[in-house]
C-alpha atoms as a PDB file:
ATOM      1  CA  MET A   1      65.535  63.921  17.208  1.00  0.00           C
ATOM      2  CA  ASN A   2      65.138  67.582  18.065  1.00  0.00           C
ATOM      3  CA  LEU A   3      61.512  66.871  19.051  1.00  0.00           C
ATOM      4  CA  LEU A   4      62.618  64.373  21.718  1.00  0.00           C
ATOM      5  CA  THR A   5      65.231  66.752  23.036  1.00  0.00           C
ATOM      6  CA  GLN A   6      62.817  69.642  23.255  1.00  0.00           C
ATOM      7  CA  TYR A   7      59.646  67.866  24.492  1.00  0.00           C
ATOM      8  CA  GLY A   8      61.020  64.676  26.113  1.00  0.00           C
ATOM      9  CA  LYS A   9      59.844  65.537  29.626  1.00  0.00           C
ATOM     10  CA  GLU A  10      56.329  66.280  28.428  1.00  0.00           C
ATOM     11  CA  ILE A  11      56.192  63.069  26.410  1.00  0.00           C
ATOM     12  CA  PHE A  12      57.402  61.113  29.422  1.00  0.00           C
ATOM     13  CA  ALA A  13      54.860  62.899  31.650  1.00  0.00           C
ATOM     14  CA  PHE A  14      52.109  61.871  29.210  1.00  0.00           C
ATOM     15  CA  ILE A  15      53.235  58.232  28.830  1.00  0.00           C
ATOM     16  CA  VAL A  16      53.362  57.466  32.579  1.00  0.00           C
ATOM     17  CA  PRO A  17      49.631  58.154  33.313  1.00  0.00           C
ATOM     18  CA  VAL A  18      48.568  56.327  30.143  1.00  0.00           C
ATOM     19  CA  PHE A  19      50.672  53.335  31.179  1.00  0.00           C
ATOM     20  CA  THR A  20      49.157  53.481  34.682  1.00  0.00           C
ATOM     21  CA  LEU A  21      45.643  53.639  33.214  1.00  0.00           C
ATOM     22  CA  ILE A  22      46.312  50.567  31.070  1.00  0.00           C
ATOM     23  CA  LEU A  23      47.673  48.664  34.063  1.00  0.00           C
ATOM     24  CA  ASN A  24      44.639  49.589  36.179  1.00  0.00           C
ATOM     25  CA  LYS A  25      42.171  48.649  33.447  1.00  0.00           C
ATOM     26  CA  TYR A  26      43.565  45.258  32.461  1.00  0.00           C
ATOM     27  CA  PHE A  27      45.257  44.030  35.636  1.00  0.00           C
ATOM     28  CA  LYS A  28      42.783  45.197  38.280  1.00  0.00           C
ATOM     29  CA  ASN A  29      41.685  42.688  40.907  1.00  0.00           C
ATOM     30  CA  SER A  30      38.027  41.906  40.298  1.00  0.00           C
ATOM     31  CA  ALA A  31      35.686  39.043  39.557  1.00  0.00           C
ATOM     32  CA  LYS A  32      35.791  37.933  35.918  1.00  0.00           C
ATOM     33  CA  ILE A  33      33.209  35.313  35.020  1.00  0.00           C
ATOM     34  CA  SER A  34      33.656  33.351  31.819  1.00  0.00           C
ATOM     35  CA  TYR A  35      31.483  30.569  30.464  1.00  0.00           C
ATOM     36  CA  GLY A  36      31.459  28.239  27.530  1.00  0.00           C
ATOM     37  CA  GLU A  37      29.762  25.221  26.067  1.00  0.00           C
ATOM     38  CA  LEU A  38      31.710  22.036  26.769  1.00  0.00           C
ATOM     39  CA  HIS A  39      29.732  19.780  24.466  1.00  0.00           C
ATOM     40  CA  GLN A  40      26.342  18.934  23.076  1.00  0.00           C
ATOM     41  CA  PHE A  41      25.082  15.699  21.636  1.00  0.00           C
ATOM     42  CA  THR A  42      21.883  14.047  20.450  1.00  0.00           C
ATOM     43  CA  TYR A  43      21.397  10.362  21.192  1.00  0.00           C
ATOM     44  CA  LEU A  44      19.075   8.340  18.983  1.00  0.00           C
ATOM     45  CA  ILE A  45      17.333   5.751  21.178  1.00  0.00           C
ATOM     46  CA  TYR A  46      15.802   2.756  19.396  1.00  0.00           C
ATOM     47  CA  GLU A  47      12.923   2.404  21.799  1.00  0.00           C
ATOM     48  CA  PRO A  48       9.368   3.289  20.768  1.00  0.00           C
ATOM     49  CA  LEU A  49       7.479   6.100  22.429  1.00  0.00           C
ATOM     50  CA  LEU A  50       4.098   4.875  23.676  1.00  0.00           C
ATOM     51  CA  ASN A  51       0.986   6.852  24.550  1.00  0.00           C
ATOM     52  CA  GLN A  52      -1.416   6.168  27.458  1.00  0.00           C
ATOM     53  CA  GLN A  53      -3.176   3.358  25.590  1.00  0.00           C
ATOM     54  CA  GLY A  54       0.102   1.603  24.755  1.00  0.00           C
ATOM     55  CA  GLU A  55       0.063   2.535  21.077  1.00  0.00           C
ATOM     56  CA  VAL A  56       3.330   3.441  19.354  1.00  0.00           C
ATOM     57  CA  VAL A  57       3.565   7.193  18.730  1.00  0.00           C
ATOM     58  CA  GLN A  58       7.182   7.201  17.489  1.00  0.00           C
ATOM     59  CA  GLN A  59       9.487   4.327  16.615  1.00  0.00           C
ATOM     60  CA  THR A  60      12.565   6.085  18.007  1.00  0.00           C
ATOM     61  CA  GLN A  61      13.266   8.720  20.633  1.00  0.00           C
ATOM     62  CA  THR A  62      15.940  11.389  20.924  1.00  0.00           C
ATOM     63  CA  VAL A  63      17.835  12.535  23.973  1.00  0.00           C
ATOM     64  CA  HIS A  64      19.553  15.926  23.706  1.00  0.00           C
ATOM     65  CA  THR A  65      22.360  16.845  26.098  1.00  0.00           C
ATOM     66  CA  GLN A  66      24.299  20.053  26.554  1.00  0.00           C
ATOM     67  CA  ALA A  67      27.037  20.928  29.051  1.00  0.00           C
ATOM     68  CA  TYR A  68      28.249  24.349  30.157  1.00  0.00           C
ATOM     69  CA  VAL A  69      31.157  25.393  32.336  1.00  0.00           C
ATOM     70  CA  PHE A  70      31.255  28.586  34.432  1.00  0.00           C
ATOM     71  CA  ARG A  71      34.500  29.889  35.917  1.00  0.00           C
ATOM     72  CA  ASN A  72      35.611  32.882  37.958  1.00  0.00           C
ATOM     73  CA  ASP A  73      38.945  33.828  36.365  1.00  0.00           C
ATOM     74  CA  GLY A  74      39.293  36.921  38.551  1.00  0.00           C
ATOM     75  CA  LYS A  75      41.109  37.458  41.820  1.00  0.00           C
ATOM     76  CA  GLU A  76      38.006  38.347  43.839  1.00  0.00           C
ATOM     77  CA  ALA A  77      34.807  36.459  44.505  1.00  0.00           C
ATOM     78  CA  ALA A  78      31.801  36.818  42.228  1.00  0.00           C
ATOM     79  CA  THR A  79      28.511  37.354  44.037  1.00  0.00           C
ATOM     80  CA  ASN A  80      24.925  36.733  42.938  1.00  0.00           C
ATOM     81  CA  MET A  81      25.840  34.946  39.704  1.00  0.00           C
ATOM     82  CA  GLU A  82      22.747  34.493  37.541  1.00  0.00           C
ATOM     83  CA  VAL A  83      22.456  31.837  34.844  1.00  0.00           C
ATOM     84  CA  ILE A  84      19.392  32.484  32.685  1.00  0.00           C
ATOM     85  CA  PHE A  85      17.831  29.841  30.423  1.00  0.00           C
ATOM     86  CA  ASN A  86      15.064  30.470  27.888  1.00  0.00           C
ATOM     87  CA  TYR A  87      12.693  28.126  29.751  1.00  0.00           C
ATOM     88  CA  PRO A  88      13.012  25.553  32.567  1.00  0.00           C
ATOM     89  CA  PRO A  89      15.083  22.548  31.489  1.00  0.00           C
ATOM     90  CA  MET A  90      13.617  19.058  31.690  1.00  0.00           C
ATOM     91  CA  TYR A  91      16.623  17.737  33.642  1.00  0.00           C
ATOM     92  CA  LEU A  92      19.494  19.773  35.042  1.00  0.00           C
ATOM     93  CA  ASN A  93      22.554  18.813  37.104  1.00  0.00           C
ATOM     94  CA  VAL A  94      25.143  21.110  38.650  1.00  0.00           C
ATOM     95  CA  TRP A  95      28.577  19.730  39.493  1.00  0.00           C
ATOM     96  CA  PRO A  96      30.148  20.031  41.995  1.00  0.00           C
ATOM     97  CA  SER A  97      26.941  20.064  43.944  1.00  0.00           C
ATOM     98  CA  ARG A  98      26.146  23.676  44.856  1.00  0.00           C
ATOM     99  CA  LEU A  99      23.246  25.362  46.550  1.00  0.00           C
ATOM    100  CA  PHE A 100      21.408  27.720  44.208  1.00  0.00           C
ATOM    101  CA  THR A 101      18.004  29.317  44.081  1.00  0.00           C
ATOM    102  CA  VAL A 102      15.644  29.096  41.122  1.00  0.00           C
ATOM    103  CA  LYS A 103      13.558  32.062  40.080  1.00  0.00           C
ATOM    104  CA  ASN A 104      11.279  32.836  37.149  1.00  0.00           C
ATOM    105  CA  ASP A 105      11.147  36.309  35.694  1.00  0.00           C
ATOM    106  CA  ALA A 106       8.080  38.035  34.225  1.00  0.00           C
ATOM    107  CA  GLU A 107       8.602  36.279  30.876  1.00  0.00           C
ATOM    108  CA  ARG A 108       8.866  32.863  32.588  1.00  0.00           C
ATOM    109  CA  ARG A 109      12.614  32.585  31.969  1.00  0.00           C
ATOM    110  CA  HIS A 110      14.442  30.103  34.196  1.00  0.00           C
ATOM    111  CA  VAL A 111      16.940  31.970  36.399  1.00  0.00           C
ATOM    112  CA  MET A 112      19.459  30.100  38.587  1.00  0.00           C
ATOM    113  CA  VAL A 113      21.186  32.285  41.190  1.00  0.00           C
ATOM    114  CA  PHE A 114      24.448  31.190  42.815  1.00  0.00           C
ATOM    115  CA  ASP A 115      25.288  33.293  45.861  1.00  0.00           C
ATOM    116  CA  TYR A 116      29.058  33.021  45.608  1.00  0.00           C
ATOM    117  CA  LEU A 117      31.744  31.845  43.193  1.00  0.00           C
ATOM    118  CA  ALA A 118      35.250  31.917  44.645  1.00  0.00           C
ATOM    119  CA  PRO A 119      38.301  32.967  42.604  1.00  0.00           C
ATOM    120  CA  LYS A 120      39.443  30.221  40.196  1.00  0.00           C
ATOM    121  CA  GLU A 121      36.352  28.142  41.061  1.00  0.00           C
ATOM    122  CA  THR A 122      34.621  26.221  38.280  1.00  0.00           C
ATOM    123  CA  ILE A 123      31.136  24.757  38.146  1.00  0.00           C
ATOM    124  CA  ARG A 124      29.501  22.684  35.420  1.00  0.00           C
ATOM    125  CA  CYS A 125      25.875  22.622  34.378  1.00  0.00           C
ATOM    126  CA  GLU A 126      24.526  19.631  32.452  1.00  0.00           C
ATOM    127  CA  VAL A 127      21.145  19.907  30.717  1.00  0.00           C
ATOM    128  CA  LEU A 128      19.190  16.958  29.303  1.00  0.00           C
ATOM    129  CA  ALA A 129      15.917  16.811  27.363  1.00  0.00           C
ATOM    130  CA  ILE A 130      14.029  13.803  26.008  1.00  0.00           C
ATOM    131  CA  ASN A 131      12.160  14.188  22.682  1.00  0.00           C
ATOM    132  CA  THR A 132      12.489  17.969  22.851  1.00  0.00           C
ATOM    133  CA  GLN A 133      15.253  20.559  22.517  1.00  0.00           C
ATOM    134  CA  VAL A 134      17.289  21.771  25.478  1.00  0.00           C
ATOM    135  CA  PRO A 135      16.665  25.405  26.466  1.00  0.00           C
ATOM    136  CA  MET A 136      19.028  28.030  25.156  1.00  0.00           C
ATOM    137  CA  LEU A 137      21.380  29.765  27.590  1.00  0.00           C
ATOM    138  CA  LEU A 138      20.461  33.445  27.323  1.00  0.00           C
ATOM    139  CA  SER A 139      22.750  35.237  29.732  1.00  0.00           C
ATOM    140  CA  VAL A 140      25.272  34.839  32.551  1.00  0.00           C
ATOM    141  CA  ARG A 141      26.074  37.730  34.832  1.00  0.00           C
ATOM    142  CA  CYS A 142      27.037  38.562  38.383  1.00  0.00           C
ATOM    143  CA  LYS A 143      26.939  41.612  40.619  1.00  0.00           C
ATOM    144  CA  GLU A 144      30.429  42.584  39.450  1.00  0.00           C
ATOM    145  CA  GLY A 145      29.640  42.479  35.714  1.00  0.00           C
ATOM    146  CA  ILE A 146      28.548  40.492  32.675  1.00  0.00           C
ATOM    147  CA  ALA A 147      30.234  37.169  31.963  1.00  0.00           C
ATOM    148  CA  GLN A 148      32.364  36.645  28.886  1.00  0.00           C
ATOM    149  CA  ASN A 149      31.379  33.866  26.494  1.00  0.00           C
ATOM    150  CA  ILE A 150      34.422  31.844  25.450  1.00  0.00           C
ATOM    151  CA  VAL A 151      34.787  29.129  22.834  1.00  0.00           C
ATOM    152  CA  LEU A 152      36.042  25.824  24.223  1.00  0.00           C
ATOM    153  CA  SER A 153      37.644  23.097  22.146  1.00  0.00           C
ATOM    154  CA  PRO A 154      39.578  19.930  22.953  1.00  0.00           C
ATOM    155  CA  GLN A 155      43.312  20.354  22.807  1.00  0.00           C
ATOM    156  CA  ARG A 156      46.418  18.304  23.168  1.00  0.00           C
ATOM    157  CA  VAL A 157      48.031  18.109  26.616  1.00  0.00           C
ATOM    158  CA  PHE A 158      51.760  18.814  26.428  1.00  0.00           C
ATOM    159  CA  HIS A 159      54.478  17.347  28.626  1.00  0.00           C
ATOM    160  CA  PRO A 160      55.127  19.432  31.802  1.00  0.00           C
ATOM    161  CA  ALA A 161      58.818  19.878  30.885  1.00  0.00           C
ATOM    162  CA  PHE A 162      57.810  21.511  27.583  1.00  0.00           C
ATOM    163  CA  ILE A 163      55.322  23.805  29.331  1.00  0.00           C
ATOM    164  CA  ASN A 164      57.907  24.805  31.971  1.00  0.00           C
ATOM    165  CA  SER A 165      60.515  25.568  29.294  1.00  0.00           C
ATOM    166  CA  ILE A 166      57.977  27.814  27.500  1.00  0.00           C
ATOM    167  CA  ARG A 167      57.274  29.559  30.825  1.00  0.00           C
ATOM    168  CA  LEU A 168      61.016  30.140  31.309  1.00  0.00           C
ATOM    169  CA  LEU A 169      61.334  31.635  27.808  1.00  0.00           C
ATOM    170  CA  ILE A 170      58.339  33.923  28.422  1.00  0.00           C
ATOM    171  CA  PHE A 171      59.858  35.040  31.734  1.00  0.00           C
ATOM    172  CA  LEU A 172      63.231  35.775  30.124  1.00  0.00           C
ATOM    173  CA  GLY A 173      61.507  37.691  27.311  1.00  0.00           C
ATOM    174  CA  SER A 174      59.499  39.812  29.757  1.00  0.00           C
ATOM    175  CA  VAL A 175      62.638  40.600  31.795  1.00  0.00           C
ATOM    176  CA  SER A 176      64.424  41.622  28.581  1.00  0.00           C
ATOM    177  CA  LEU A 177      61.488  43.822  27.590  1.00  0.00           C
ATOM    178  CA  VAL A 178      61.499  45.592  30.971  1.00  0.00           C
ATOM    179  CA  TYR A 179      65.270  46.084  30.683  1.00  0.00           C
ATOM    180  CA  ILE A 180      64.917  47.625  27.210  1.00  0.00           C
ATOM    181  CA  VAL A 181      62.141  49.969  28.411  1.00  0.00           C
ATOM    182  CA  VAL A 182      64.273  51.107  31.377  1.00  0.00           C
ATOM    183  CA  VAL A 183      67.291  51.713  29.110  1.00  0.00           C
ATOM    184  CA  LEU A 184      65.145  53.700  26.646  1.00  0.00           C
ATOM    185  CA  LEU A 185      63.625  55.784  29.452  1.00  0.00           C
ATOM    186  CA  GLN A 186      67.108  56.423  30.872  1.00  0.00           C
ATOM    187  CA  TRP A 187      68.331  57.479  27.445  1.00  0.00           C
ATOM    188  CA  LEU A 188      65.290  59.712  26.969  1.00  0.00           C
ATOM    189  CA  LEU A 189      65.824  61.441  30.333  1.00  0.00           C
ATOM    190  CA  LEU A 190      69.543  61.916  29.772  1.00  0.00           C
ATOM    191  CA  LYS A 191      69.026  63.300  26.266  1.00  0.00           C
ATOM    192  CA  THR A 192      66.323  65.749  27.391  1.00  0.00           C
ATOM    193  CA  GLY A 193      67.804  66.541  30.819  1.00  0.00           C
END
């Protein structure tokens, strides 16, 4: 306890900038792109694949699908968002319909560039390939930084009353935490004053 009495002001002077640094790092307004794979599936189609002469090459065909979702979780717009696939997909849909440009890099990678993604905006990208694999998603990035890959899974939807009661409990807990921190800081300043 003698340490707090003797060096309390210095400890407090050290804690305040560290706390400010943490707040600036994790709660700063910026664009934060996240993406994840919604689903993938392979359909087995019982229809023969025919060649030019009408001969059966395969008895069955496969259709591979893969869906991705891209979201700006930040509080500022993301600009020049690039979605890079290993090679050009056979079929590709973007929903909601958005204007994007397609580029190919030196290694013939398929690059889709979206000019703008507003805060809290979400777009989906559906890829389909027949009798071949869908291209792998290599990278997602924007001018403000690299996107974060997140794992998506189906989950249960809870009743709104339950969700609101959890929000109320979290709010009350955060208010109590702030109150305890203020009381401890007051005690620390009075003890070292």
